[in-house]
Protein backbone atom coordinates (compact mmCIF):
# COMPACT_ATOMS: atom_id res chain seq x y z
CA MET A 1 -0.49 -71.50 -7.72
CA ALA A 2 0.84 -73.55 -10.62
CA ASP A 3 2.70 -76.74 -9.62
CA HIS A 4 6.50 -76.74 -9.80
CA GLY A 5 6.58 -73.45 -11.67
CA ILE A 6 4.25 -74.65 -14.45
CA ILE A 7 1.71 -71.94 -15.35
CA LEU A 8 0.03 -73.80 -18.24
CA LYS A 9 -0.29 -77.47 -19.01
CA THR A 10 -2.39 -79.55 -21.37
CA ARG A 11 -3.02 -83.25 -20.92
CA GLY A 12 -4.28 -85.50 -23.71
CA LEU A 13 -5.73 -82.45 -25.44
CA ALA A 14 -7.53 -83.34 -28.64
CA ARG A 15 -9.94 -81.78 -31.09
CA SER A 16 -11.50 -83.42 -34.13
CA PHE A 17 -13.38 -81.78 -36.98
CA GLY A 18 -15.19 -84.67 -38.63
CA ALA A 19 -12.52 -87.15 -39.69
CA LEU A 20 -9.73 -84.59 -39.21
CA ARG A 21 -7.92 -84.80 -35.87
CA ALA A 22 -6.52 -81.24 -35.79
CA VAL A 23 -5.03 -81.64 -32.30
CA ASP A 24 -4.21 -85.20 -31.33
CA GLY A 25 -3.37 -85.90 -27.68
CA VAL A 26 -1.14 -82.90 -26.96
CA ASP A 27 0.74 -82.66 -23.65
CA ILE A 28 2.69 -79.46 -23.09
CA ASP A 29 4.06 -77.67 -20.02
CA VAL A 30 4.79 -73.94 -20.04
CA LYS A 31 6.82 -72.59 -17.15
CA ALA A 32 5.74 -69.33 -15.51
CA GLY A 33 7.62 -66.23 -16.63
CA THR A 34 9.21 -67.84 -19.68
CA ILE A 35 9.00 -67.32 -23.45
CA THR A 36 8.04 -70.55 -25.20
CA GLY A 37 7.83 -70.93 -28.96
CA LEU A 38 5.31 -73.13 -30.80
CA ILE A 39 6.36 -73.98 -34.35
CA GLY A 40 5.40 -76.38 -37.10
CA PRO A 41 4.29 -76.52 -40.72
CA ASN A 42 0.95 -75.11 -41.89
CA GLY A 43 -1.83 -77.43 -40.78
CA ALA A 44 0.15 -78.74 -37.80
CA GLY A 45 -2.64 -77.76 -35.38
CA LYS A 46 -0.98 -74.74 -33.75
CA SER A 47 -3.90 -72.31 -34.16
CA THR A 48 -6.40 -74.95 -33.04
CA LEU A 49 -4.28 -75.59 -29.95
CA PHE A 50 -4.32 -71.85 -29.20
CA GLY A 51 -8.10 -71.83 -29.61
CA LEU A 52 -8.44 -74.77 -27.22
CA ILE A 53 -6.28 -73.07 -24.59
CA ALA A 54 -8.08 -69.72 -24.93
CA GLY A 55 -11.58 -71.22 -24.74
CA GLU A 56 -12.55 -70.40 -28.34
CA VAL A 57 -12.62 -74.09 -29.28
CA GLN A 58 -13.91 -76.81 -27.00
CA PRO A 59 -11.83 -80.01 -26.71
CA SER A 60 -13.04 -83.39 -27.87
CA HIS A 61 -10.84 -84.92 -25.15
CA GLY A 62 -8.31 -83.86 -22.55
CA GLN A 63 -7.91 -80.82 -20.36
CA VAL A 64 -6.20 -77.47 -20.02
CA VAL A 65 -4.88 -76.39 -16.61
CA PHE A 66 -3.85 -72.79 -16.02
CA ASP A 67 -2.24 -71.60 -12.80
CA GLY A 68 -3.43 -74.72 -11.01
CA GLN A 69 -7.06 -74.52 -12.17
CA THR A 70 -8.78 -76.51 -14.90
CA ILE A 71 -10.04 -74.04 -17.52
CA SER A 72 -11.25 -76.53 -20.13
CA GLY A 73 -14.82 -75.66 -21.09
CA LEU A 74 -14.64 -72.03 -19.93
CA ARG A 75 -15.70 -69.26 -22.30
CA PRO A 76 -12.96 -66.97 -23.70
CA GLU A 77 -13.93 -64.06 -21.44
CA GLN A 78 -13.68 -66.35 -18.39
CA VAL A 79 -10.25 -67.56 -19.47
CA PHE A 80 -9.25 -63.92 -20.01
CA ARG A 81 -10.30 -63.04 -16.45
CA HIS A 82 -8.04 -65.82 -15.13
CA GLY A 83 -5.07 -63.89 -16.53
CA LEU A 84 -4.54 -65.77 -19.78
CA ALA A 85 -4.76 -63.46 -22.79
CA ARG A 86 -4.56 -64.05 -26.52
CA THR A 87 -3.68 -61.94 -29.55
CA PHE A 88 -4.51 -62.87 -33.13
CA GLN A 89 -2.57 -63.26 -36.37
CA ILE A 90 -5.04 -60.79 -37.90
CA PRO A 91 -5.62 -58.06 -35.26
CA ARG A 92 -9.20 -57.46 -34.11
CA PRO A 93 -9.42 -53.89 -32.79
CA PHE A 94 -12.61 -51.84 -32.88
CA PRO A 95 -11.70 -49.98 -36.10
CA GLN A 96 -13.79 -46.83 -35.54
CA MET A 97 -12.62 -46.34 -31.96
CA SER A 98 -9.41 -44.55 -31.06
CA VAL A 99 -6.29 -46.31 -29.83
CA LEU A 100 -7.00 -44.99 -26.33
CA GLU A 101 -10.63 -46.15 -26.38
CA ASN A 102 -9.57 -49.61 -27.60
CA VAL A 103 -7.11 -50.01 -24.74
CA VAL A 104 -9.43 -48.66 -22.02
CA CYS A 105 -12.33 -50.89 -23.02
CA ALA A 106 -10.13 -54.00 -22.75
CA ALA A 107 -10.18 -53.70 -18.95
CA SER A 108 -12.68 -56.22 -17.57
CA GLY A 109 -15.26 -55.74 -14.83
CA GLN A 110 -15.65 -51.98 -15.16
CA SER A 111 -18.29 -50.38 -12.92
CA GLY A 112 -19.72 -48.44 -15.88
CA GLU A 113 -20.66 -51.74 -17.54
CA ARG A 114 -23.52 -51.93 -15.03
CA PHE A 115 -25.84 -49.22 -16.29
CA TRP A 116 -27.33 -48.45 -12.86
CA ASN A 117 -23.92 -47.36 -11.57
CA ASN A 118 -23.93 -44.54 -14.13
CA TRP A 119 -27.14 -43.26 -12.51
CA PHE A 120 -26.63 -44.03 -8.83
CA ARG A 121 -22.82 -44.05 -8.42
CA PRO A 122 -21.51 -41.60 -11.03
CA SER A 123 -18.52 -40.53 -8.92
CA LEU A 124 -17.37 -44.16 -8.67
CA VAL A 125 -17.61 -44.59 -12.44
CA ALA A 126 -15.80 -41.30 -13.11
CA ALA A 127 -12.95 -42.15 -10.71
CA GLU A 128 -12.53 -45.57 -12.26
CA GLU A 129 -12.50 -44.10 -15.78
CA ARG A 130 -9.74 -41.68 -14.76
CA ARG A 131 -7.69 -44.52 -13.27
CA LEU A 132 -8.16 -46.74 -16.33
CA THR A 133 -7.31 -43.88 -18.69
CA GLU A 134 -4.10 -43.19 -16.77
CA ARG A 135 -3.13 -46.87 -16.92
CA ALA A 136 -4.03 -47.07 -20.61
CA MET A 137 -1.83 -44.05 -21.35
CA GLU A 138 1.10 -45.67 -19.52
CA ILE A 139 0.67 -48.83 -21.60
CA ILE A 140 0.26 -46.87 -24.84
CA GLU A 141 3.48 -45.02 -24.11
CA PHE A 142 5.24 -48.30 -23.32
CA THR A 143 4.13 -49.85 -26.62
CA GLY A 144 5.22 -46.79 -28.62
CA LEU A 145 1.74 -45.77 -29.73
CA LYS A 146 1.55 -42.38 -28.00
CA GLU A 147 1.78 -40.45 -31.28
CA VAL A 148 -1.34 -42.20 -32.62
CA VAL A 149 -3.27 -42.33 -29.33
CA ASN A 150 -6.27 -40.46 -30.80
CA HIS A 151 -6.19 -42.11 -34.23
CA ALA A 152 -8.88 -44.58 -35.24
CA ALA A 153 -7.52 -48.10 -34.81
CA GLY A 154 -8.61 -49.04 -38.33
CA LEU A 155 -6.17 -46.48 -39.77
CA LEU A 156 -3.09 -47.96 -38.12
CA SER A 157 -0.46 -49.97 -39.99
CA GLY A 158 -0.32 -53.74 -39.54
CA GLY A 159 2.58 -53.45 -37.12
CA GLN A 160 0.87 -50.73 -35.09
CA GLN A 161 -2.24 -52.90 -34.84
CA LYS A 162 -0.12 -55.75 -33.47
CA LEU A 163 1.26 -53.35 -30.86
CA LEU A 164 -2.29 -52.23 -30.08
CA GLU A 165 -3.32 -55.85 -29.50
CA LEU A 166 -0.42 -56.20 -27.07
CA ALA A 167 -1.49 -52.97 -25.32
CA ARG A 168 -5.07 -54.21 -24.99
CA VAL A 169 -4.12 -57.49 -23.31
CA MET A 170 -1.72 -55.65 -20.99
CA MET A 171 -4.74 -53.91 -19.41
CA ILE A 172 -5.52 -57.08 -17.42
CA ASP A 173 -1.87 -57.57 -16.37
CA PRO A 174 -1.92 -61.18 -17.66
CA LYS A 175 0.22 -63.98 -16.30
CA LEU A 176 0.57 -65.51 -19.76
CA ILE A 177 0.02 -64.11 -23.26
CA LEU A 178 -0.63 -66.30 -26.29
CA LEU A 179 0.85 -64.49 -29.32
CA ASP A 180 -0.37 -65.74 -32.70
CA GLU A 181 2.17 -64.83 -35.42
CA PRO A 182 3.08 -61.40 -33.98
CA THR A 183 5.40 -60.51 -36.88
CA ALA A 184 3.09 -61.54 -39.77
CA GLY A 185 2.62 -58.57 -42.10
CA VAL A 186 4.85 -56.31 -39.99
CA ASN A 187 7.73 -54.27 -41.42
CA PRO A 188 11.26 -55.03 -40.13
CA THR A 189 11.52 -51.87 -38.00
CA LEU A 190 8.31 -52.63 -36.11
CA ILE A 191 9.32 -56.29 -35.77
CA GLU A 192 12.30 -55.10 -33.74
CA THR A 193 9.97 -52.91 -31.66
CA LEU A 194 7.65 -55.87 -31.02
CA ILE A 195 10.59 -58.07 -29.97
CA GLU A 196 11.83 -55.32 -27.65
CA LYS A 197 8.40 -55.00 -25.98
CA ILE A 198 7.97 -58.77 -25.60
CA VAL A 199 11.38 -59.10 -23.97
CA ALA A 200 10.72 -56.08 -21.72
CA LEU A 201 7.35 -57.48 -20.59
CA ASN A 202 8.92 -60.86 -19.96
CA ALA A 203 11.55 -59.19 -17.77
CA ARG A 204 8.64 -57.92 -15.65
CA GLY A 205 7.39 -61.48 -15.18
CA THR A 206 4.85 -61.90 -17.99
CA GLY A 207 5.08 -65.26 -19.75
CA PHE A 208 4.56 -65.86 -23.46
CA LEU A 209 3.58 -68.77 -25.68
CA ILE A 210 4.28 -67.70 -29.26
CA VAL A 211 3.19 -69.22 -32.57
CA GLU A 212 5.61 -67.83 -35.14
CA HIS A 213 7.07 -68.70 -38.55
CA ASN A 214 9.88 -66.15 -38.17
CA MET A 215 12.58 -68.54 -37.00
CA ASP A 216 15.02 -65.72 -36.30
CA LEU A 217 12.63 -64.32 -33.69
CA VAL A 218 11.92 -67.75 -32.22
CA MET A 219 15.60 -68.64 -31.90
CA ARG A 220 16.47 -65.23 -30.43
CA ILE A 221 13.93 -64.94 -27.64
CA CYS A 222 12.47 -68.39 -26.82
CA GLY A 223 14.00 -70.50 -24.09
CA THR A 224 11.99 -73.57 -25.06
CA ILE A 225 10.46 -74.51 -28.40
CA VAL A 226 7.60 -76.96 -28.91
CA VAL A 227 7.34 -78.45 -32.40
CA MET A 228 4.03 -79.74 -33.78
CA ALA A 229 3.24 -81.73 -36.92
CA GLN A 230 -0.03 -83.38 -37.94
CA GLY A 231 -1.71 -82.45 -34.67
CA LYS A 232 0.96 -83.93 -32.41
CA VAL A 233 3.98 -82.64 -30.50
CA ILE A 234 7.00 -84.24 -32.18
CA PHE A 235 9.77 -82.54 -30.20
CA GLU A 236 10.39 -80.09 -27.36
CA GLY A 237 13.68 -78.54 -26.34
CA ALA A 238 16.04 -75.59 -26.38
CA PRO A 239 16.57 -73.72 -29.69
CA ALA A 240 19.93 -75.38 -30.37
CA GLU A 241 18.42 -78.84 -29.79
CA VAL A 242 15.52 -78.09 -32.13
CA MET A 243 17.89 -77.02 -34.91
CA ARG A 244 19.81 -80.32 -34.62
CA GLU A 245 16.84 -82.68 -34.36
CA GLN A 246 16.44 -84.62 -37.61
CA LYS A 247 12.70 -85.25 -37.30
CA VAL A 248 12.13 -81.49 -36.84
CA ILE A 249 14.25 -80.76 -39.90
CA ASP A 250 12.33 -83.36 -41.90
CA ALA A 251 8.91 -82.11 -40.77
CA TYR A 252 9.45 -78.37 -40.82
CA LEU A 253 12.85 -76.68 -40.77
CA GLY A 254 13.89 -78.04 -44.16
CA ASP A 255 10.86 -76.38 -45.77
CA VAL A 256 11.48 -73.10 -43.90
CA THR A 257 15.13 -73.03 -45.02
CA GLN A 258 14.12 -73.67 -48.63
CA GLU A 259 11.54 -70.86 -48.48
CA GLU A 260 14.09 -68.41 -47.06
CA HIS A 261 16.53 -69.17 -49.90
CA ALA A 262 13.95 -69.32 -52.68
């Protein structure tokens, strides 16, 4: 189990691309079952940090510990199997497959993935497919996608694809979900639906680490906010503390406020 309620921690985490130090000695702690926001200006290193945590980018230095185990150096699918899931700013469904097929195939370790089981243990494969389909339908109903369950994923709206990404990661019942800009390109009605689903999942015990430029969402649902600039963490605290911190205002919030009133 994670120590003292910490599900995810990074220590001295760094990644350089040539002369650019995209992530520069980052230490963060994310408590289990919480919603934590990660904010900062463009180029702050937020997406690289997500990639380092999820195993898509290998660190130059430092380590990532998830649920008490070091996961630095693991491949993304190995990190996924540990119960740490990631969604993307631009959703990545299988566009020709249906919503249902996309959700079912997200379940890892299926018996049918071993081709000999389809020949020698067909009843096992069939029973598992029925169970996974039932679970997928429950998740699809929860995420509000039941009406488009048989639609090709590539035909969904941007907001529906974000909900589909959430549905896919729910198939492994993750302990922590990394959400990368969940409201980007989503209409206001579906933003409210996304917020509702995130809060509902959190109430069930699922934790979230969210990269998001929508400060209204961050302030509404995050208990703790981590602020990055130029590859480093410059502040961490409750929403009200972040709003008052001058170095956060100078590095980020001033620009956001100007954009919102432009």
